[in-house]
N, C-alpha and C. Protein backbone atom coordinates (compact mmCIF):
# COMPACT_ATOMS: atom_id res chain seq x y z
N HIS A 1 27.71 3.18 -3.56
CA HIS A 1 26.76 3.71 -2.86
C HIS A 1 25.72 4.22 -2.89
N PHE A 2 25.92 5.17 -4.06
CA PHE A 2 24.61 6.62 -3.49
C PHE A 2 23.66 6.02 -4.07
N VAL A 3 23.36 4.70 -5.15
CA VAL A 3 21.80 4.30 -4.83
C VAL A 3 21.40 3.56 -3.72
N ASP A 4 22.20 2.94 -2.83
CA ASP A 4 21.57 2.35 -1.81
C ASP A 4 21.06 3.47 -0.42
N THR A 5 22.10 4.37 -0.70
CA THR A 5 21.78 5.82 0.19
C THR A 5 20.85 6.53 -0.31
N GLN A 6 20.29 6.49 -1.33
CA GLN A 6 18.95 7.14 -2.11
C GLN A 6 17.81 6.30 -1.54
N GLY A 7 18.32 5.23 -1.35
CA GLY A 7 17.23 4.19 -1.19
C GLY A 7 16.74 4.28 0.55
N HIS A 8 17.66 4.25 1.23
CA HIS A 8 17.61 4.46 2.43
C HIS A 8 16.94 5.68 2.78
N ARG A 9 16.87 6.87 1.99
CA ARG A 9 16.73 8.12 2.45
C ARG A 9 15.05 8.18 2.26
N PHE A 10 14.96 7.76 0.90
CA PHE A 10 13.50 8.78 0.32
C PHE A 10 13.01 7.27 -0.09
N GLY A 11 13.41 5.80 -0.25
CA GLY A 11 12.39 4.85 -0.68
C GLY A 11 12.57 4.31 -1.92
N PRO A 12 12.73 3.08 -2.24
CA PRO A 12 12.50 2.20 -3.45
C PRO A 12 12.06 3.03 -4.90
N ASP A 13 11.17 3.33 -4.05
CA ASP A 13 9.81 4.47 -5.05
C ASP A 13 10.15 5.25 -5.31
N SER A 14 11.23 6.28 -5.18
CA SER A 14 11.80 7.64 -5.36
C SER A 14 11.89 8.00 -6.43
N ASN A 15 11.85 9.18 -6.77
CA ASN A 15 12.58 10.03 -7.92
C ASN A 15 13.95 9.94 -7.64
N GLU A 16 14.50 10.59 -6.20
CA GLU A 16 15.74 10.25 -6.11
C GLU A 16 16.26 8.76 -6.37
N LEU A 17 15.99 7.58 -6.27
CA LEU A 17 16.31 6.70 -6.16
C LEU A 17 16.28 6.77 -7.86
N VAL A 18 15.60 6.88 -8.46
CA VAL A 18 15.48 7.00 -10.07
C VAL A 18 16.74 7.45 -10.93
N GLU A 19 16.74 8.77 -10.36
CA GLU A 19 18.25 9.02 -10.30
C GLU A 19 19.48 8.81 -10.52
N ALA A 20 19.65 8.27 -8.99
CA ALA A 20 20.47 7.28 -8.80
C ALA A 20 21.05 6.50 -9.31
N VAL A 21 20.00 5.44 -9.93
CA VAL A 21 20.10 4.79 -10.48
C VAL A 21 20.62 4.93 -12.08
N LYS A 22 20.07 6.07 -12.49
CA LYS A 22 20.67 7.10 -13.58
C LYS A 22 21.89 7.25 -13.99
N LYS A 23 22.42 7.67 -12.61
CA LYS A 23 24.13 7.66 -12.65
C LYS A 23 24.69 6.66 -12.69
N ALA A 24 24.38 5.42 -12.05
CA ALA A 24 24.67 4.30 -12.02
C ALA A 24 24.81 3.69 -13.36
N ASP A 25 23.80 4.03 -14.32
CA ASP A 25 23.43 3.42 -15.36
C ASP A 25 25.07 4.12 -16.48
N GLU A 26 25.09 5.15 -15.98
CA GLU A 26 25.85 6.29 -16.90
C GLU A 26 27.20 5.58 -16.71
N LEU A 27 27.74 5.59 -15.26
CA LEU A 27 29.01 5.20 -15.04
C LEU A 27 29.51 3.75 -15.65
N VAL A 28 28.35 2.76 -15.73
CA VAL A 28 28.29 1.29 -16.68
C VAL A 28 28.20 1.57 -17.87
N GLY A 29 27.86 2.27 -18.43
CA GLY A 29 27.94 2.90 -19.92
C GLY A 29 29.10 3.36 -20.02
N TYR A 30 29.99 3.97 -19.20
CA TYR A 30 30.96 4.82 -19.87
C TYR A 30 32.31 3.88 -19.63
N LEU A 31 31.59 2.91 -18.57
CA LEU A 31 33.02 1.80 -18.52
C LEU A 31 32.84 0.51 -19.82
N MET A 32 31.94 0.34 -20.04
CA MET A 32 31.29 -0.49 -21.48
C MET A 32 31.81 -0.27 -22.40
N GLN A 33 31.42 1.37 -22.51
CA GLN A 33 32.30 2.15 -24.00
C GLN A 33 33.48 2.06 -24.24
N ARG A 34 34.67 2.52 -22.68
CA ARG A 34 35.79 2.37 -23.02
C ARG A 34 36.61 0.82 -23.38
N LEU A 35 35.87 -0.07 -22.87
CA LEU A 35 36.16 -1.26 -23.00
C LEU A 35 36.27 -1.24 -24.46
N GLU A 36 35.12 -1.14 -25.00
CA GLU A 36 34.24 -1.31 -26.77
C GLU A 36 35.80 -0.59 -27.04
N GLU A 37 35.84 0.54 -27.39
CA GLU A 37 36.95 1.45 -27.65
C GLU A 37 38.27 1.10 -27.50
N SER A 38 38.97 0.22 -26.55
CA SER A 38 39.69 -0.28 -26.18
C SER A 38 40.43 -1.70 -26.78
N ASP A 39 39.44 -2.40 -27.41
CA ASP A 39 39.14 -3.86 -27.93
C ASP A 39 39.40 -4.73 -27.17
N LEU A 40 39.01 -4.14 -25.80
CA LEU A 40 39.01 -5.03 -24.54
C LEU A 40 37.93 -5.97 -24.20
N SER A 41 36.52 -5.39 -24.93
CA SER A 41 35.70 -6.21 -24.57
C SER A 41 35.27 -7.76 -25.29
N ALA A 42 36.00 -8.12 -26.42
CA ALA A 42 35.89 -9.50 -27.17
C ALA A 42 36.28 -10.08 -25.85
N ILE A 43 37.22 -9.52 -24.63
CA ILE A 43 38.02 -10.45 -24.19
C ILE A 43 37.94 -10.19 -22.49
N THR A 44 36.56 -9.63 -22.16
CA THR A 44 36.12 -9.13 -21.23
C THR A 44 34.78 -9.88 -20.29
N ASN A 45 34.85 -10.29 -19.94
CA ASN A 45 33.90 -10.84 -19.02
C ASN A 45 33.34 -9.67 -17.62
N THR A 46 32.32 -9.04 -17.89
CA THR A 46 31.72 -7.98 -16.76
C THR A 46 30.24 -8.33 -16.27
N MET A 47 30.56 -8.63 -14.80
CA MET A 47 29.35 -8.68 -14.44
C MET A 47 29.13 -7.69 -13.17
N ILE A 48 27.75 -7.04 -13.20
CA ILE A 48 27.22 -6.08 -12.22
C ILE A 48 25.97 -7.07 -10.95
N VAL A 49 26.46 -6.78 -10.07
CA VAL A 49 25.90 -7.20 -8.50
C VAL A 49 25.36 -6.26 -7.76
N SER A 50 24.60 -6.83 -6.64
CA SER A 50 23.89 -5.51 -5.88
C SER A 50 24.05 -6.95 -4.85
N ASP A 51 24.30 -6.49 -3.58
CA ASP A 51 23.90 -7.26 -2.06
C ASP A 51 22.60 -7.47 -1.44
N HIS A 52 21.99 -6.66 -1.94
CA HIS A 52 20.66 -6.66 -1.51
C HIS A 52 19.51 -5.61 -2.36
N GLY A 53 18.22 -6.60 -1.86
CA GLY A 53 16.99 -5.77 -2.56
C GLY A 53 16.67 -4.41 -1.30
N MET A 54 15.88 -3.44 -1.74
CA MET A 54 15.28 -2.51 -0.81
C MET A 54 13.68 -2.49 -0.67
N ALA A 55 13.54 -2.32 0.44
CA ALA A 55 11.77 -1.93 0.53
C ALA A 55 11.35 -0.84 1.31
N ALA A 56 10.29 -0.21 1.16
CA ALA A 56 9.61 0.66 1.77
C ALA A 56 9.34 0.58 3.05
N VAL A 57 9.95 1.38 3.94
CA VAL A 57 9.48 1.51 5.21
C VAL A 57 8.44 2.61 5.51
N SER A 58 7.58 2.82 6.78
CA SER A 58 6.56 4.23 7.25
C SER A 58 6.30 3.92 8.61
N ARG A 59 6.01 5.04 9.18
CA ARG A 59 5.46 5.03 10.40
C ARG A 59 3.79 4.03 10.63
N GLU A 60 3.28 4.15 9.38
CA GLU A 60 2.31 3.13 9.34
C GLU A 60 1.94 1.74 9.41
N LYS A 61 3.70 1.13 9.40
CA LYS A 61 3.74 -0.25 9.68
C LYS A 61 4.82 -0.07 10.65
N ILE A 62 4.16 -0.23 12.01
CA ILE A 62 5.34 -0.48 12.68
C ILE A 62 4.95 -1.38 14.11
N VAL A 63 5.73 -2.19 14.88
CA VAL A 63 5.26 -2.63 15.78
C VAL A 63 6.35 -2.38 16.83
N VAL A 64 5.18 -2.13 18.22
CA VAL A 64 5.83 -1.64 19.26
C VAL A 64 6.38 -2.92 20.33
N LEU A 65 7.22 -3.16 20.71
CA LEU A 65 7.91 -3.66 21.92
C LEU A 65 7.19 -4.17 22.99
N ASP A 66 7.15 -2.71 23.58
CA ASP A 66 6.26 -1.92 24.44
C ASP A 66 4.96 -2.69 24.97
N ASP A 67 4.21 -2.81 23.84
CA ASP A 67 2.86 -3.70 23.60
C ASP A 67 3.38 -4.87 24.08
N ILE A 68 4.02 -5.70 23.94
CA ILE A 68 4.08 -7.00 24.04
C ILE A 68 4.60 -7.49 25.35
N ILE A 69 6.20 -6.72 25.81
CA ILE A 69 6.95 -7.22 26.79
C ILE A 69 7.53 -6.26 27.48
N ASP A 70 8.26 -6.27 28.37
CA ASP A 70 9.04 -5.01 28.75
C ASP A 70 10.31 -5.61 27.94
N PRO A 71 10.45 -4.22 27.37
CA PRO A 71 11.92 -4.34 26.90
C PRO A 71 13.20 -4.31 27.57
N GLU A 72 12.98 -3.63 28.65
CA GLU A 72 13.98 -3.68 29.70
C GLU A 72 14.61 -5.38 30.11
N ASP A 73 13.75 -6.28 29.74
CA ASP A 73 14.03 -8.05 30.01
C ASP A 73 15.29 -8.15 29.07
N LEU A 74 15.05 -7.07 27.83
CA LEU A 74 16.25 -7.89 26.80
C LEU A 74 17.30 -6.75 26.92
N GLU A 75 18.51 -7.40 26.63
CA GLU A 75 19.80 -6.99 25.82
C GLU A 75 20.06 -7.10 24.65
N MET A 76 19.40 -5.56 23.80
CA MET A 76 19.26 -5.54 22.58
C MET A 76 21.02 -5.90 21.98
N ILE A 77 20.92 -7.21 21.06
CA ILE A 77 22.03 -6.82 20.19
C ILE A 77 22.20 -6.36 18.61
N ALA A 78 20.97 -6.60 18.24
CA ALA A 78 20.72 -6.47 16.58
C ALA A 78 19.13 -5.37 16.59
N PHE A 79 19.07 -4.53 15.61
CA PHE A 79 17.64 -3.97 15.87
C PHE A 79 17.04 -4.33 14.17
N SER A 80 15.84 -3.82 14.22
CA SER A 80 15.17 -3.58 13.29
C SER A 80 15.84 -3.99 11.71
N PRO A 81 15.66 -4.45 10.80
CA PRO A 81 14.24 -5.41 10.77
C PRO A 81 14.26 -6.68 11.20
N VAL A 82 15.52 -7.66 11.84
CA VAL A 82 15.77 -8.26 12.44
C VAL A 82 16.51 -8.03 14.31
N ILE A 83 15.51 -8.71 15.12
CA ILE A 83 16.10 -7.84 16.13
C ILE A 83 16.66 -9.22 16.78
N MET A 84 17.75 -9.25 16.99
CA MET A 84 18.21 -9.89 17.85
C MET A 84 18.88 -9.83 19.47
N ALA A 85 18.42 -10.89 20.02
CA ALA A 85 18.41 -10.24 22.04
C ALA A 85 18.71 -11.31 22.58
N ASP A 86 19.52 -11.35 23.59
CA ASP A 86 19.27 -12.46 25.06
C ASP A 86 18.58 -11.70 25.89
N VAL A 87 17.82 -12.55 27.23
CA VAL A 87 17.13 -12.26 28.15
C VAL A 87 17.91 -12.02 29.10
N LYS A 88 18.02 -11.03 30.02
CA LYS A 88 18.73 -10.79 31.01
C LYS A 88 18.30 -12.02 32.20
N HIS A 89 17.26 -12.03 32.57
CA HIS A 89 17.26 -13.25 33.72
C HIS A 89 17.01 -14.39 32.97
N ASP A 90 17.37 -15.79 33.15
CA ASP A 90 17.13 -16.98 32.08
C ASP A 90 15.64 -17.32 32.37
N GLU A 91 15.50 -17.33 34.23
CA GLU A 91 14.02 -17.68 34.28
C GLU A 91 12.86 -16.71 33.46
N LYS A 92 13.40 -15.98 32.85
CA LYS A 92 11.86 -15.13 32.02
C LYS A 92 11.99 -15.55 30.89
N ILE A 93 12.63 -16.35 30.05
CA ILE A 93 13.20 -16.70 28.60
C ILE A 93 11.95 -17.20 27.84
N ASP A 94 11.23 -18.42 28.84
CA ASP A 94 10.25 -18.68 28.45
C ASP A 94 8.70 -17.60 28.45
N GLU A 95 8.65 -17.24 29.68
CA GLU A 95 7.43 -16.06 29.46
C GLU A 95 7.83 -15.14 28.37
N ILE A 96 8.74 -14.57 28.18
CA ILE A 96 9.10 -13.35 27.08
C ILE A 96 9.01 -13.83 25.54
N TYR A 97 9.25 -15.16 25.43
CA TYR A 97 9.26 -16.30 24.17
C TYR A 97 7.85 -16.51 23.83
N GLN A 98 6.93 -16.81 24.78
CA GLN A 98 5.46 -17.46 24.82
C GLN A 98 4.90 -16.13 24.38
N ALA A 99 5.14 -14.67 25.12
CA ALA A 99 4.39 -13.61 25.21
C ALA A 99 4.59 -13.08 23.75
N LEU A 100 5.91 -13.01 23.29
CA LEU A 100 6.01 -12.82 21.82
C LEU A 100 5.45 -13.60 20.38
N LYS A 101 5.40 -15.08 20.88
CA LYS A 101 4.70 -15.79 20.06
C LYS A 101 2.98 -15.83 19.75
N LYS A 102 2.74 -15.33 20.99
CA LYS A 102 0.85 -14.79 21.58
C LYS A 102 0.44 -13.90 20.26
N ASN A 103 1.17 -12.95 20.38
CA ASN A 103 1.32 -11.83 19.85
C ASN A 103 1.63 -12.04 18.58
N GLU A 104 2.42 -12.76 18.00
CA GLU A 104 2.96 -12.74 16.15
C GLU A 104 2.08 -12.19 15.22
N GLU A 105 2.23 -11.17 15.01
CA GLU A 105 1.62 -10.48 14.23
C GLU A 105 2.56 -9.41 13.54
N HIS A 106 2.69 -9.16 12.27
CA HIS A 106 3.68 -8.62 11.48
C HIS A 106 5.23 -8.95 11.65
N TYR A 107 5.36 -10.04 12.44
CA TYR A 107 6.53 -10.53 12.75
C TYR A 107 6.85 -12.01 13.24
N LYS A 108 8.28 -12.42 12.99
CA LYS A 108 7.83 -14.13 13.56
C LYS A 108 9.27 -14.07 14.73
N VAL A 109 9.16 -14.99 15.52
CA VAL A 109 9.64 -14.67 16.79
C VAL A 109 10.59 -16.11 16.74
N TYR A 110 11.57 -16.56 17.48
CA TYR A 110 12.46 -17.66 17.31
C TYR A 110 13.32 -17.39 18.23
N LEU A 111 13.38 -19.34 18.80
CA LEU A 111 14.48 -19.42 20.04
C LEU A 111 15.59 -19.46 18.89
N LYS A 112 16.41 -19.43 19.74
CA LYS A 112 17.31 -20.14 19.20
C LYS A 112 17.79 -21.44 18.15
N ASP A 113 16.85 -22.39 19.24
CA ASP A 113 16.91 -23.69 18.21
C ASP A 113 16.12 -23.51 17.16
N GLU A 114 14.81 -22.67 16.82
CA GLU A 114 13.91 -23.04 16.08
C GLU A 114 14.16 -22.34 14.95
N ILE A 115 15.48 -21.19 14.37
CA ILE A 115 15.71 -20.59 13.58
C ILE A 115 15.96 -21.39 12.51
N PRO A 116 15.01 -21.02 11.00
CA PRO A 116 14.82 -21.61 9.90
C PRO A 116 16.36 -22.24 9.55
N GLU A 117 16.55 -23.67 9.03
CA GLU A 117 17.90 -23.62 8.38
C GLU A 117 18.47 -23.18 7.43
N ARG A 118 16.94 -22.56 6.80
CA ARG A 118 17.87 -21.58 5.62
C ARG A 118 18.71 -20.38 5.83
N TYR A 119 18.65 -19.65 7.25
CA TYR A 119 19.32 -18.86 7.60
C TYR A 119 20.52 -19.18 7.75
N HIS A 120 20.98 -20.21 7.91
CA HIS A 120 22.61 -20.72 8.43
C HIS A 120 22.99 -20.17 9.50
N LEU A 121 21.88 -20.06 10.86
CA LEU A 121 22.45 -19.23 11.93
C LEU A 121 22.61 -20.48 13.45
N LYS A 122 21.91 -21.35 12.83
CA LYS A 122 21.21 -22.18 14.21
C LYS A 122 21.85 -22.83 14.83
N ASN A 123 21.75 -22.69 16.29
CA ASN A 123 22.31 -23.26 17.08
C ASN A 123 23.91 -22.67 17.33
N HIS A 124 24.51 -21.47 16.26
CA HIS A 124 25.85 -21.17 16.20
C HIS A 124 26.38 -20.56 17.43
N THR A 125 27.15 -20.36 18.17
CA THR A 125 27.44 -19.82 19.69
C THR A 125 27.49 -18.00 19.87
N ARG A 126 27.43 -17.87 18.84
CA ARG A 126 27.26 -16.01 18.72
C ARG A 126 25.94 -15.76 18.62
N ILE A 127 25.01 -16.61 18.12
CA ILE A 127 23.24 -16.08 18.35
C ILE A 127 22.81 -15.88 19.82
N PRO A 128 22.18 -15.23 19.80
CA PRO A 128 21.36 -14.46 21.24
C PRO A 128 20.27 -15.54 21.04
N GLU A 129 19.45 -15.68 22.44
CA GLU A 129 18.46 -16.69 22.54
C GLU A 129 17.17 -16.45 21.99
N LEU A 130 16.99 -15.13 21.22
CA LEU A 130 15.79 -14.30 20.61
C LEU A 130 15.81 -14.16 19.16
N THR A 131 15.47 -14.35 18.38
CA THR A 131 15.44 -13.61 17.02
C THR A 131 13.99 -13.40 16.65
N ILE A 132 13.74 -11.82 16.42
CA ILE A 132 12.90 -11.69 15.99
C ILE A 132 12.65 -10.79 14.29
N VAL A 133 12.04 -11.58 13.48
CA VAL A 133 11.93 -11.37 12.09
C VAL A 133 10.77 -10.38 11.66
N ALA A 134 10.87 -9.51 11.32
CA ALA A 134 9.90 -8.21 10.88
C ALA A 134 9.36 -8.29 9.50
N ASP A 135 8.03 -8.60 9.15
CA ASP A 135 7.33 -8.75 7.96
C ASP A 135 7.64 -7.61 6.82
N LEU A 136 7.95 -8.26 6.04
CA LEU A 136 8.54 -7.14 4.46
C LEU A 136 8.09 -5.51 4.93
N GLY A 137 8.69 -4.74 5.40
CA GLY A 137 8.03 -3.12 5.28
C GLY A 137 7.58 -2.65 6.94
N TYR A 138 7.25 -3.55 7.70
CA TYR A 138 7.55 -3.49 9.10
C TYR A 138 8.71 -2.76 9.67
N THR A 139 8.54 -1.86 10.77
CA THR A 139 9.35 -1.54 11.71
C THR A 139 9.57 -2.39 13.27
N ILE A 140 10.27 -2.78 13.97
CA ILE A 140 9.84 -3.28 15.52
C ILE A 140 10.72 -2.79 16.16
N ASN A 141 10.51 -1.91 17.43
CA ASN A 141 11.38 -1.31 18.03
C ASN A 141 10.75 -0.90 19.28
N THR A 142 11.38 -0.30 20.10
CA THR A 142 10.81 -0.06 21.66
C THR A 142 9.83 1.25 21.14
N GLN A 143 8.99 1.50 22.43
CA GLN A 143 8.12 2.60 22.44
C GLN A 143 9.27 4.07 22.11
N GLU A 144 10.23 4.22 23.05
CA GLU A 144 11.41 4.93 23.64
C GLU A 144 11.89 5.56 22.17
N VAL A 145 12.45 4.62 21.35
CA VAL A 145 13.02 4.88 20.00
C VAL A 145 12.27 5.67 19.50
N PHE A 146 11.19 5.20 18.89
CA PHE A 146 9.62 5.66 18.28
C PHE A 146 9.34 7.58 18.93
N ASP A 147 9.48 6.80 20.04
CA ASP A 147 8.97 8.77 20.42
C ASP A 147 10.20 9.64 20.79
N ALA A 148 11.62 9.29 20.23
CA ALA A 148 12.54 9.79 20.03
C ALA A 148 12.92 10.31 18.56
N ARG A 149 12.28 9.62 17.88
CA ARG A 149 12.42 10.02 16.34
C ARG A 149 11.30 9.84 15.85
N PRO A 150 10.59 10.99 15.39
CA PRO A 150 8.98 10.94 15.37
C PRO A 150 9.13 11.05 13.71
N GLU A 151 10.31 11.04 13.05
CA GLU A 151 10.29 10.70 11.33
C GLU A 151 10.85 8.95 11.28
N TYR A 152 10.92 8.34 12.23
CA TYR A 152 11.48 7.14 11.79
C TYR A 152 10.16 5.91 12.24
N PRO A 153 10.39 5.25 11.38
CA PRO A 153 10.71 4.56 10.28
C PRO A 153 10.44 5.13 8.75
N SER A 154 11.33 5.97 8.27
CA SER A 154 10.97 6.37 6.66
C SER A 154 12.25 5.70 5.25
N GLY A 155 11.37 5.90 4.25
CA GLY A 155 12.51 5.35 3.37
C GLY A 155 12.20 4.43 2.88
N GLY A 156 13.48 4.02 2.79
CA GLY A 156 14.13 2.06 2.78
C GLY A 156 14.59 1.62 3.72
N THR A 157 14.89 0.19 3.58
CA THR A 157 15.66 -0.71 4.33
C THR A 157 15.46 -2.15 3.76
N HIS A 158 16.79 -2.73 4.16
CA HIS A 158 16.61 -4.38 3.45
C HIS A 158 17.46 -5.20 5.12
N GLY A 159 17.62 -6.35 4.69
CA GLY A 159 17.49 -7.10 6.11
C GLY A 159 16.63 -7.65 5.86
N PHE A 160 15.50 -7.80 5.50
CA PHE A 160 13.92 -8.79 5.66
C PHE A 160 14.21 -10.00 5.20
N ASP A 161 13.12 -10.52 5.09
CA ASP A 161 13.47 -12.45 4.87
C ASP A 161 13.87 -12.55 3.39
N ASN A 162 15.25 -13.16 3.20
CA ASN A 162 15.83 -13.09 2.14
C ASN A 162 14.85 -14.12 0.58
N GLN A 163 13.78 -14.60 1.39
CA GLN A 163 12.91 -15.37 0.37
C GLN A 163 12.00 -13.92 -0.26
N GLU A 164 11.98 -12.52 0.09
CA GLU A 164 11.02 -11.72 -0.18
C GLU A 164 11.55 -11.25 -1.49
N LYS A 165 10.98 -10.74 -2.76
CA LYS A 165 11.54 -10.47 -4.04
C LYS A 165 11.89 -9.75 -3.50
N GLU A 166 12.00 -8.12 -2.73
CA GLU A 166 12.22 -6.92 -2.50
C GLU A 166 13.65 -7.08 -2.19
N MET A 167 13.74 -7.90 -1.42
CA MET A 167 15.07 -8.54 -1.27
C MET A 167 16.33 -9.10 -1.83
N HIS A 168 15.48 -9.43 -2.77
CA HIS A 168 17.00 -10.02 -4.02
C HIS A 168 17.65 -8.98 -4.49
N ALA A 169 18.28 -9.31 -4.77
CA ALA A 169 19.91 -8.74 -5.36
C ALA A 169 19.77 -8.49 -6.85
N LEU A 170 21.09 -7.78 -7.58
CA LEU A 170 20.78 -7.57 -9.14
C LEU A 170 21.84 -8.37 -9.15
N PHE A 171 21.88 -9.59 -10.77
CA PHE A 171 22.94 -10.00 -11.52
C PHE A 171 22.86 -9.47 -12.99
N VAL A 172 23.65 -9.24 -13.45
CA VAL A 172 23.99 -8.81 -14.79
C VAL A 172 25.55 -8.80 -15.39
N ALA A 173 25.20 -9.48 -16.18
CA ALA A 173 26.76 -10.24 -17.23
C ALA A 173 26.38 -10.08 -18.48
N ALA A 174 27.68 -9.97 -19.03
CA ALA A 174 27.98 -9.97 -20.27
C ALA A 174 29.37 -9.82 -20.46
N GLY A 175 29.89 -10.64 -21.94
CA GLY A 175 31.25 -10.92 -22.48
C GLY A 175 31.43 -12.31 -22.91
N PRO A 176 32.51 -12.84 -23.38
CA PRO A 176 32.57 -13.71 -24.17
C PRO A 176 31.90 -15.07 -23.84
N ASP A 177 31.93 -15.34 -22.09
CA ASP A 177 31.73 -16.83 -21.72
C ASP A 177 30.21 -16.24 -21.22
N PHE A 178 29.67 -15.67 -21.53
CA PHE A 178 27.93 -15.44 -20.98
C PHE A 178 27.11 -15.42 -22.54
N LYS A 179 26.01 -16.16 -22.07
CA LYS A 179 25.01 -16.38 -23.28
C LYS A 179 24.37 -14.83 -23.45
N LYS A 180 23.89 -14.47 -24.91
CA LYS A 180 23.47 -13.13 -24.63
C LYS A 180 22.10 -13.03 -24.74
N GLY A 181 21.26 -12.53 -24.09
CA GLY A 181 19.82 -12.50 -24.07
C GLY A 181 19.39 -13.42 -23.11
N PHE A 182 19.81 -14.17 -22.27
CA PHE A 182 19.97 -15.34 -21.56
C PHE A 182 18.87 -14.75 -20.23
N ARG A 183 18.32 -15.11 -19.83
CA ARG A 183 17.55 -15.13 -18.01
C ARG A 183 17.58 -15.99 -17.80
N MET A 184 18.15 -16.21 -16.29
CA MET A 184 17.98 -17.52 -15.61
C MET A 184 16.92 -17.13 -14.05
N LYS A 185 17.38 -18.25 -13.20
CA LYS A 185 16.14 -18.65 -12.25
C LYS A 185 17.41 -17.31 -11.23
N ALA A 186 16.07 -17.11 -9.86
CA ALA A 186 16.78 -16.63 -8.97
C ALA A 186 18.58 -17.61 -8.10
N PHE A 187 19.54 -17.42 -7.87
CA PHE A 187 20.48 -17.82 -7.23
C PHE A 187 21.16 -17.36 -6.09
N GLU A 188 21.97 -18.04 -4.72
CA GLU A 188 22.30 -16.71 -3.68
C GLU A 188 23.66 -16.58 -4.36
N ASN A 189 23.79 -15.35 -3.49
CA ASN A 189 24.91 -14.50 -4.13
C ASN A 189 26.60 -15.31 -3.60
N VAL A 190 25.91 -16.05 -3.05
CA VAL A 190 27.29 -17.08 -2.68
C VAL A 190 27.91 -17.43 -3.42
N HIS A 191 27.39 -18.02 -5.08
CA HIS A 191 27.73 -18.88 -6.30
C HIS A 191 28.56 -17.71 -6.73
N LEU A 192 28.58 -16.50 -6.49
CA LEU A 192 29.26 -15.88 -7.44
C LEU A 192 31.11 -16.07 -7.26
N TYR A 193 31.34 -16.54 -6.45
CA TYR A 193 32.52 -16.78 -5.90
C TYR A 193 33.03 -18.04 -6.87
N GLU A 194 32.28 -19.18 -7.13
CA GLU A 194 32.52 -20.29 -7.45
C GLU A 194 32.37 -20.17 -9.23
N LEU A 195 31.50 -19.01 -9.53
CA LEU A 195 31.57 -18.46 -11.13
C LEU A 195 32.74 -17.97 -11.23
N MET A 196 33.20 -16.40 -10.58
CA MET A 196 33.94 -16.53 -11.02
C MET A 196 35.55 -16.84 -10.68
N THR A 197 35.77 -17.67 -9.82
CA THR A 197 36.80 -18.80 -10.22
C THR A 197 36.83 -19.70 -11.26
N HIS A 198 35.61 -19.89 -11.87
CA HIS A 198 35.54 -20.78 -13.13
C HIS A 198 35.97 -20.02 -14.31
N LEU A 199 35.54 -18.69 -14.51
CA LEU A 199 35.57 -18.00 -15.49
C LEU A 199 36.94 -17.52 -15.44
N LEU A 200 37.76 -17.56 -14.40
CA LEU A 200 39.27 -17.31 -14.05
C LEU A 200 40.07 -18.46 -14.30
N SER A 201 39.42 -19.57 -14.46
CA SER A 201 40.17 -21.00 -14.31
C SER A 201 41.09 -21.17 -13.10
N ILE A 202 40.39 -20.65 -12.07
CA ILE A 202 41.41 -21.00 -10.77
C ILE A 202 40.53 -22.11 -9.86
N GLU A 203 41.29 -22.69 -9.55
CA GLU A 203 40.87 -23.99 -8.87
C GLU A 203 40.07 -23.52 -7.32
C-alpha cells in the first residue's frame, strides 16, 4: 500500500515513489530468500500483482464543469477521473448531455446506454444517467472544489481508461510452473483467478 500512497501523494515519476518501490523490492527479496533457505522455492509458485497503474495529475490539466453546465443540475455519485451523475430533473437530461458533448475536450461523456461494452457497465440498474471519463492526466470537477483546494490536483491517480498503458497493472511470476525469462502480452486481471485455480488444481 505504501507504493500506492506515495504515488498518489508525489506522483509516478517522483523520488518518493522510487524509494517506495525499493522498499517493496527489498520485502519481496526477503521473501524469495527465505523460500530458498527453507527449500521451498522449488515447489512454490510466486505471483506479484497490482490492481492498477498510476498517472501524474496537475493543476495545468483540469476541466471545470461550471464552464460547460450548471453543476447544481447534477447529483454527483462518483468523482474524477470518472464522474458518474444523475440529472436532478429528467427534462434536462438531453440539454446537459448535449452541452457536455458539444464541449467534449479532454474528456468523453456517455449516456447510460452509450457506455463502451468493454467497461462492462452498460445498462446496469446501478449505473447513473451520465458517465464522464477524463482523458489521461486530466481532472474534471466543479469550480467550488478547485477553489476550495488550491493544491488540487497534484501527485498521481488512477481510474482513467484502462486502455491507457499508464493504467496497466504489474504481473511478475516465478516458480516451477512458470517459464523462465518469458514475456507475455497484457491480459485482464480477472484471469488471475483462473490461473490460480489451475496452479492449485482446483476446478
